[in-house]
């Protein structure tokens, strides 16, 4: 991805940012050596919750992230409808949106455990600078039918779960495969916890949800759904079973996600995909549920 030409604050990128975000970006740039020659450009996809700006100086690249002021309530409502369909709240599940400060703290704890999250370069309280990961998203790979990344991402999630770490909201654009073939993770603005008073005695609910979200979205986004189902049958589902994941819970979460995405009356926002994207999804989603349940 090539940056757009420009000076320290490229007008075409910065003009669309709110005043407070422009000011924070200026503050972030001042912390970088070589900022007088910095270029900034917009990513192909910055998501619904954050302003994201990519930065290049003579010393390297970094990523600026800051929350959108106007989107939190809308995104919260969208996520709430999603989780209601999965039954997550009935199992004692709670979700919330981390502030930038909370997200930075989470990333630093994950890094201290040796987990493959992006490095935090600067912390401005309500903004952060993180390392630029040279690679492509897992979504970009599966969109082209390359499913080789799926097992890598599932194994990465498993490694975190073994340490009691839940990333939250893993759906393909939050996972990068770097130029060395390693999985690197970004974007931890959604947090999942369990109520201490939950009545369901099963353990591993958060882990099951994280795996289910990733697998469902991979099936939803890939250009090779048949291949994804074969991979699930031959490797992913048996592996999850061997690792003692609650497969009934995983399959029910996938079923709930399918119910939500196939609902023509579900909440939508500026980042929602067209309903036409889901017309062919019911059959493969049902098969994914079956494979997970019977593994």
Protein backbone atom coordinates (compact mmCIF):
# COMPACT_ATOMS: atom_id res chain seq x y z
CA UNK A 1 0.00 0.00 0.00
CA UNK A 2 1.57 3.31 -1.08
CA UNK A 3 1.02 6.49 0.93
CA UNK A 4 -0.48 9.49 -0.76
CA UNK A 5 1.96 12.28 -1.48
CA UNK A 6 1.79 15.27 0.78
CA UNK A 7 3.37 17.11 3.65
CA UNK A 8 3.02 16.56 7.35
CA UNK A 9 -0.76 16.83 7.21
CA UNK A 10 -2.08 15.70 3.81
CA UNK A 11 -5.20 17.83 3.15
CA UNK A 12 -7.26 15.11 1.46
CA UNK A 13 -6.93 12.81 4.47
CA UNK A 14 -7.05 15.33 7.29
CA UNK A 15 -9.91 17.48 6.00
CA UNK A 16 -12.52 14.85 6.83
CA UNK A 17 -11.34 14.44 10.43
CA UNK A 18 -13.12 16.24 13.29
CA UNK A 19 -11.17 19.14 14.78
CA UNK A 20 -10.24 17.27 17.98
CA UNK A 21 -8.96 14.30 15.96
CA UNK A 22 -6.87 16.58 13.73
CA UNK A 23 -5.38 18.11 16.86
CA UNK A 24 -4.63 14.70 18.38
CA UNK A 25 -3.05 13.53 15.12
CA UNK A 26 -0.83 16.60 15.16
CA UNK A 27 0.19 15.77 18.74
CA UNK A 28 0.94 12.19 17.76
CA UNK A 29 3.04 13.27 14.79
CA UNK A 30 5.12 15.55 17.01
CA UNK A 31 6.25 12.52 19.00
CA UNK A 32 7.78 10.86 15.93
CA UNK A 33 11.36 11.49 14.79
CA UNK A 34 11.37 12.88 11.29
CA UNK A 35 7.82 14.18 11.57
CA UNK A 36 8.61 17.23 9.44
CA UNK A 37 8.78 14.88 6.44
CA UNK A 38 5.83 12.69 7.47
CA UNK A 39 3.18 11.51 5.04
CA UNK A 40 -0.28 10.42 6.15
CA UNK A 41 -2.85 8.40 4.26
CA UNK A 42 -6.13 6.61 4.89
CA UNK A 43 -6.39 2.81 5.15
CA UNK A 44 -8.65 0.85 2.85
CA UNK A 45 -10.90 0.01 5.82
CA UNK A 46 -10.91 1.84 9.12
CA UNK A 47 -13.92 0.17 10.72
CA UNK A 48 -16.89 1.67 12.48
CA UNK A 49 -15.53 2.67 15.86
CA UNK A 50 -12.19 4.35 15.16
CA UNK A 51 -10.54 7.04 13.13
CA UNK A 52 -7.44 5.44 11.62
CA UNK A 53 -4.58 7.22 9.87
CA UNK A 54 -1.45 5.57 8.49
CA UNK A 55 1.80 7.48 8.92
CA UNK A 56 5.19 7.22 7.25
CA UNK A 57 8.34 9.10 8.26
CA UNK A 58 11.93 8.51 7.14
CA UNK A 59 12.26 6.32 10.25
CA UNK A 60 9.36 3.97 9.57
CA UNK A 61 5.59 3.55 9.54
CA UNK A 62 2.98 3.64 12.29
CA UNK A 63 -0.81 3.70 12.74
CA UNK A 64 -2.80 6.40 14.54
CA UNK A 65 -6.09 5.32 16.16
CA UNK A 66 -8.71 7.36 18.01
CA UNK A 67 -12.35 6.60 18.83
CA UNK A 68 -15.16 8.14 16.84
CA UNK A 69 -17.30 10.30 19.09
CA UNK A 70 -20.57 9.70 17.27
CA UNK A 71 -20.46 5.97 16.64
CA UNK A 72 -20.26 4.34 20.06
CA UNK A 73 -24.01 4.30 20.79
CA UNK A 74 -24.84 3.04 17.30
CA UNK A 75 -22.21 0.30 17.44
CA UNK A 76 -23.23 -0.66 20.97
CA UNK A 77 -26.83 -1.16 19.79
CA UNK A 78 -25.66 -3.20 16.81
CA UNK A 79 -23.47 -5.45 18.98
CA UNK A 80 -26.22 -5.82 21.56
CA UNK A 81 -28.61 -7.10 18.89
CA UNK A 82 -25.93 -9.51 17.67
CA UNK A 83 -25.25 -10.97 21.10
CA UNK A 84 -28.94 -11.24 21.91
CA UNK A 85 -29.27 -13.54 18.90
CA UNK A 86 -26.40 -15.73 20.08
CA UNK A 87 -27.81 -16.14 23.59
CA UNK A 88 -24.59 -14.79 25.09
CA UNK A 89 -26.38 -12.59 27.69
CA UNK A 90 -28.45 -15.56 28.92
CA UNK A 91 -25.19 -17.37 29.67
CA UNK A 92 -24.05 -14.46 31.84
CA UNK A 93 -22.14 -12.75 29.06
CA UNK A 94 -21.44 -9.03 29.20
CA UNK A 95 -19.87 -6.90 26.50
CA UNK A 96 -18.54 -3.39 26.56
CA UNK A 97 -16.47 -0.96 24.54
CA UNK A 98 -12.99 -0.28 25.82
CA UNK A 99 -11.70 3.27 25.84
CA UNK A 100 -8.39 3.89 24.08
CA UNK A 101 -6.72 3.98 27.48
CA UNK A 102 -8.26 0.61 28.42
CA UNK A 103 -7.28 -0.87 25.06
CA UNK A 104 -3.68 0.27 25.43
CA UNK A 105 -3.54 -1.31 28.90
CA UNK A 106 -4.95 -4.57 27.49
CA UNK A 107 -2.40 -4.60 24.66
CA UNK A 108 0.48 -4.04 27.03
CA UNK A 109 -0.68 -6.91 29.26
CA UNK A 110 -0.97 -9.16 26.21
CA UNK A 111 2.49 -8.14 25.01
CA UNK A 112 3.92 -8.88 28.46
CA UNK A 113 2.56 -12.43 28.07
CA UNK A 114 4.28 -12.80 24.72
CA UNK A 115 1.05 -12.72 22.69
CA UNK A 116 1.25 -11.48 19.08
CA UNK A 117 -0.57 -8.16 19.34
CA UNK A 118 0.66 -4.97 17.71
CA UNK A 119 3.28 -3.00 19.61
CA UNK A 120 2.13 0.23 21.28
CA UNK A 121 4.50 3.00 20.17
CA UNK A 122 2.90 6.04 21.78
CA UNK A 123 -0.04 6.57 24.15
CA UNK A 124 -1.82 9.91 24.19
CA UNK A 125 -4.65 9.00 26.58
CA UNK A 126 -7.43 9.24 24.01
CA UNK A 127 -5.26 8.22 21.03
CA UNK A 128 -2.56 5.68 20.33
CA UNK A 129 0.19 5.03 17.85
CA UNK A 130 0.83 1.37 17.09
CA UNK A 131 3.25 -0.38 14.80
CA UNK A 132 2.43 -0.69 11.13
CA UNK A 133 2.22 -4.41 10.32
CA UNK A 134 3.60 -5.21 6.89
CA UNK A 135 1.29 -7.92 5.60
CA UNK A 136 -2.31 -8.57 4.67
CA UNK A 137 -5.44 -9.23 6.67
CA UNK A 138 -6.81 -12.72 7.17
CA UNK A 139 -9.98 -11.41 5.52
CA UNK A 140 -8.07 -10.46 2.36
CA UNK A 141 -6.73 -14.01 2.17
CA UNK A 142 -10.01 -15.84 2.63
CA UNK A 143 -11.81 -13.42 0.31
CA UNK A 144 -9.52 -14.74 -2.42
CA UNK A 145 -10.12 -18.35 -1.37
CA UNK A 146 -6.83 -18.81 0.50
CA UNK A 147 -7.86 -20.70 3.64
CA UNK A 148 -4.32 -21.47 4.80
CA UNK A 149 -4.58 -18.65 7.35
CA UNK A 150 -7.61 -20.10 9.15
CA UNK A 151 -5.80 -22.79 11.11
CA UNK A 152 -3.08 -20.29 12.03
CA UNK A 153 -5.61 -17.85 13.46
CA UNK A 154 -7.47 -20.57 15.39
CA UNK A 155 -4.17 -21.76 16.88
CA UNK A 156 -3.35 -18.17 17.82
CA UNK A 157 -6.67 -17.82 19.63
CA UNK A 158 -6.06 -21.12 21.41
CA UNK A 159 -2.64 -19.90 22.62
CA UNK A 160 -4.28 -16.83 24.16
CA UNK A 161 -7.08 -18.87 25.73
CA UNK A 162 -4.51 -21.08 27.42
CA UNK A 163 -3.32 -17.94 29.21
CA UNK A 164 -6.83 -16.77 30.05
CA UNK A 165 -6.78 -13.94 27.49
CA UNK A 166 -9.87 -13.10 25.41
CA UNK A 167 -9.25 -10.66 22.55
CA UNK A 168 -12.89 -10.18 21.51
CA UNK A 169 -14.36 -9.37 18.09
CA UNK A 170 -12.15 -11.54 15.85
CA UNK A 171 -13.58 -11.40 12.35
CA UNK A 172 -10.81 -11.31 9.74
CA UNK A 173 -9.88 -7.64 9.44
CA UNK A 174 -8.52 -7.72 12.98
CA UNK A 175 -5.93 -10.38 12.14
CA UNK A 176 -2.90 -9.75 9.95
CA UNK A 177 -0.58 -12.29 8.41
CA UNK A 178 2.78 -10.54 8.34
CA UNK A 179 5.45 -10.98 5.68
CA UNK A 180 6.98 -13.80 7.70
CA UNK A 181 3.68 -15.71 7.78
CA UNK A 182 2.98 -14.96 11.44
CA UNK A 183 -0.43 -14.00 12.80
CA UNK A 184 -0.50 -10.51 14.32
CA UNK A 185 -3.59 -9.07 16.02
CA UNK A 186 -5.01 -5.54 16.22
CA UNK A 187 -8.20 -3.83 17.36
CA UNK A 188 -9.34 -4.75 20.87
CA UNK A 189 -12.08 -2.19 21.38
CA UNK A 190 -14.79 -4.77 22.23
CA UNK A 191 -14.43 -6.50 25.60
CA UNK A 192 -16.28 -9.61 26.81
CA UNK A 193 -16.69 -10.67 30.43
CA UNK A 194 -18.95 -12.96 32.43
CA UNK A 195 -21.21 -11.95 35.29
CA UNK A 196 -19.99 -13.42 38.56
CA UNK A 197 -23.55 -14.48 39.37
CA UNK A 198 -24.14 -16.34 36.09
CA UNK A 199 -26.18 -19.50 36.59
CA UNK A 200 -24.78 -21.57 33.70
CA UNK A 201 -22.19 -23.99 35.11
CA UNK A 202 -20.32 -24.47 31.83
CA UNK A 203 -16.84 -23.06 31.53
CA UNK A 204 -15.18 -21.68 28.43
CA UNK A 205 -18.10 -19.56 27.25
CA UNK A 206 -15.92 -16.60 26.24
CA UNK A 207 -13.46 -18.87 24.46
CA UNK A 208 -16.31 -20.57 22.61
CA UNK A 209 -17.72 -17.23 21.50
CA UNK A 210 -14.37 -15.98 20.24
CA UNK A 211 -13.82 -19.10 18.15
CA UNK A 212 -17.41 -19.04 16.88
CA UNK A 213 -17.21 -15.40 15.81
CA UNK A 214 -14.01 -16.03 13.86
CA UNK A 215 -15.25 -19.19 12.15
CA UNK A 216 -18.64 -17.73 11.24
CA UNK A 217 -17.17 -14.58 9.74
CA UNK A 218 -14.60 -16.60 7.81
CA UNK A 219 -17.43 -18.64 6.30
CA UNK A 220 -19.40 -15.46 5.64
CA UNK A 221 -16.53 -13.66 3.92
CA UNK A 222 -14.63 -16.36 2.07
CA UNK A 223 -15.01 -16.99 -1.64
CA UNK A 224 -14.55 -20.72 -0.97
CA UNK A 225 -17.30 -21.74 1.43
CA UNK A 226 -17.12 -25.39 0.40
CA UNK A 227 -13.39 -25.41 1.17
CA UNK A 228 -14.04 -23.75 4.52
CA UNK A 229 -16.55 -26.44 5.44
CA UNK A 230 -14.12 -29.18 4.42
CA UNK A 231 -11.38 -27.57 6.50
CA UNK A 232 -13.74 -27.37 9.47
CA UNK A 233 -14.72 -31.02 9.09
CA UNK A 234 -11.21 -32.38 8.55
CA UNK A 235 -9.19 -30.22 10.91
CA UNK A 236 -10.75 -27.30 12.78
CA UNK A 237 -13.66 -29.03 14.52
CA UNK A 238 -11.65 -32.14 15.58
CA UNK A 239 -8.89 -29.86 16.83
CA UNK A 240 -11.29 -27.77 18.90
CA UNK A 241 -12.83 -30.94 20.34
CA UNK A 242 -9.36 -32.27 21.24
CA UNK A 243 -8.62 -28.97 22.98
CA UNK A 244 -11.79 -29.44 25.09
CA UNK A 245 -13.77 -26.52 23.70
CA UNK A 246 -17.50 -26.65 24.47
CA UNK A 247 -18.59 -27.63 20.97
CA UNK A 248 -22.28 -27.31 21.74
CA UNK A 249 -21.65 -23.76 22.86
CA UNK A 250 -19.50 -22.97 19.80
CA UNK A 251 -22.14 -24.35 17.43
CA UNK A 252 -24.99 -22.48 19.15
CA UNK A 253 -23.07 -19.23 18.93
CA UNK A 254 -22.53 -19.81 15.19
CA UNK A 255 -26.24 -20.57 14.82
CA UNK A 256 -27.10 -17.30 16.59
CA UNK A 257 -24.72 -15.28 14.43
CA UNK A 258 -26.30 -16.75 11.31
CA UNK A 259 -29.75 -15.88 12.67
CA UNK A 260 -28.64 -12.28 13.18
CA UNK A 261 -26.96 -11.77 9.82
CA UNK A 262 -29.82 -13.39 7.91
CA UNK A 263 -32.43 -11.22 9.63
CA UNK A 264 -33.59 -8.61 7.11
CA UNK A 265 -34.76 -6.41 9.99
CA UNK A 266 -31.44 -6.40 11.87
CA UNK A 267 -29.89 -3.03 12.78
CA UNK A 268 -27.76 -1.55 10.02
CA UNK A 269 -25.24 1.26 9.84
CA UNK A 270 -22.95 2.91 7.32
CA UNK A 271 -20.58 -0.05 7.47
CA UNK A 272 -23.16 -2.82 7.02
CA UNK A 273 -22.89 -5.10 4.01
CA UNK A 274 -25.64 -5.44 1.45
CA UNK A 275 -28.36 -8.01 2.20
CA UNK A 276 -27.47 -9.66 -1.12
CA UNK A 277 -24.23 -10.86 0.47
CA UNK A 278 -26.19 -13.27 2.68
CA UNK A 279 -28.60 -14.88 0.23
CA UNK A 280 -26.43 -17.97 -0.25
CA UNK A 281 -25.38 -18.21 3.41
CA UNK A 282 -28.18 -20.23 5.09
CA UNK A 283 -27.14 -23.66 3.80
CA UNK A 284 -23.37 -23.40 4.48
CA UNK A 285 -24.03 -21.77 7.86
CA UNK A 286 -26.32 -24.64 8.81
CA UNK A 287 -23.66 -27.11 7.70
CA UNK A 288 -21.03 -25.31 9.79
CA UNK A 289 -23.28 -25.62 12.83
CA UNK A 290 -23.73 -29.33 12.17
CA UNK A 291 -20.02 -29.98 11.74
CA UNK A 292 -19.16 -28.21 14.97
CA UNK A 293 -21.90 -29.94 16.93
CA UNK A 294 -21.04 -33.45 15.71
CA UNK A 295 -17.23 -33.21 15.82
